[in-house]
């Protein structure tokens, strides 16, 4: 019995030994595997650190590239803006030069006498003749008109004025337009015979008459049968006062002027720009300084 028990113990010891060896081996294997995992983790962490450093470096390079690109773009934009400003200045200068050249060309072909103040101020000699005269068409003038030539470039403005008046229900007619030096001399002599020195209050001497320019004329209406006296009481005169400037015409001798008695029928073409300014400022042609008036010569025929 004892032998059997000892044999059983020996078997148990062997089993424990085997189990111990197995457990030890398992623990060793686990430690080995754990060490391998740790090593792999350490290697992975090292690789990740290297990778992170490389990524951070690349990210920094990208940021630097972006910043440099933005800086370069900003510099380019600044240069482009400077060039744009230079081009704008050059364009402005070119436009100014072009406009100046154009203005000089217009002035070179525009009669410098057209905006002078002639009534007892400036003198036109007997040799002066407007650059070009055209007949006022019959439908625009009074039947009794004998002086019906008008400056060619200004004639369209006169026709537009009369057409506009007709559209508004008034009947404005051209009565006496261009008069030569000789014609004005003959007319003034006749007035002197009839009125003596009193003729000087309403009739200009030859060389001082606006009619010699070809841009001044006397208006009448068919309602008065060509008679000028009483024109200030007609709807036609009222219409001219309210609308004449739109077509470049101004009254030369309003009531109370310093040159001649009130002549509501006598109007002069000075261009739309100047006529409009005088109307808006409630001024008359002879109230304005000659140097100021001369500035409008270049645009006298502009609409």
Foldseek 3Di string as FASTA:
>chain_A
DVVVVVVVVVVVVVVVVVVVVVVVVVVVVVVVVVVVVVVVVVVVVVVVVVVVVVVVVVVVVVVVVVVVVVVVVVVVVVVVVVVVVVVVVVVVVVVVVVVVVLLVVLVVPFDLCQQDQQQVPFFDDQPDAAPDKDFQDPQQAAPQADAGIAHPLLNVLSVVVQVVCVVVPFFKHFHHAADGLVRLQVVLVVCCVVPNPLSQQAGGHRRRDSRNNRFKTFMDGVVVNSDQPPRCVDVVLVCCLVPVLQSQKFAAADPPDPRHHHRSRMIGGLANVVSVVCSVVVHHSVVDDSVVSSVCSSRSSPD
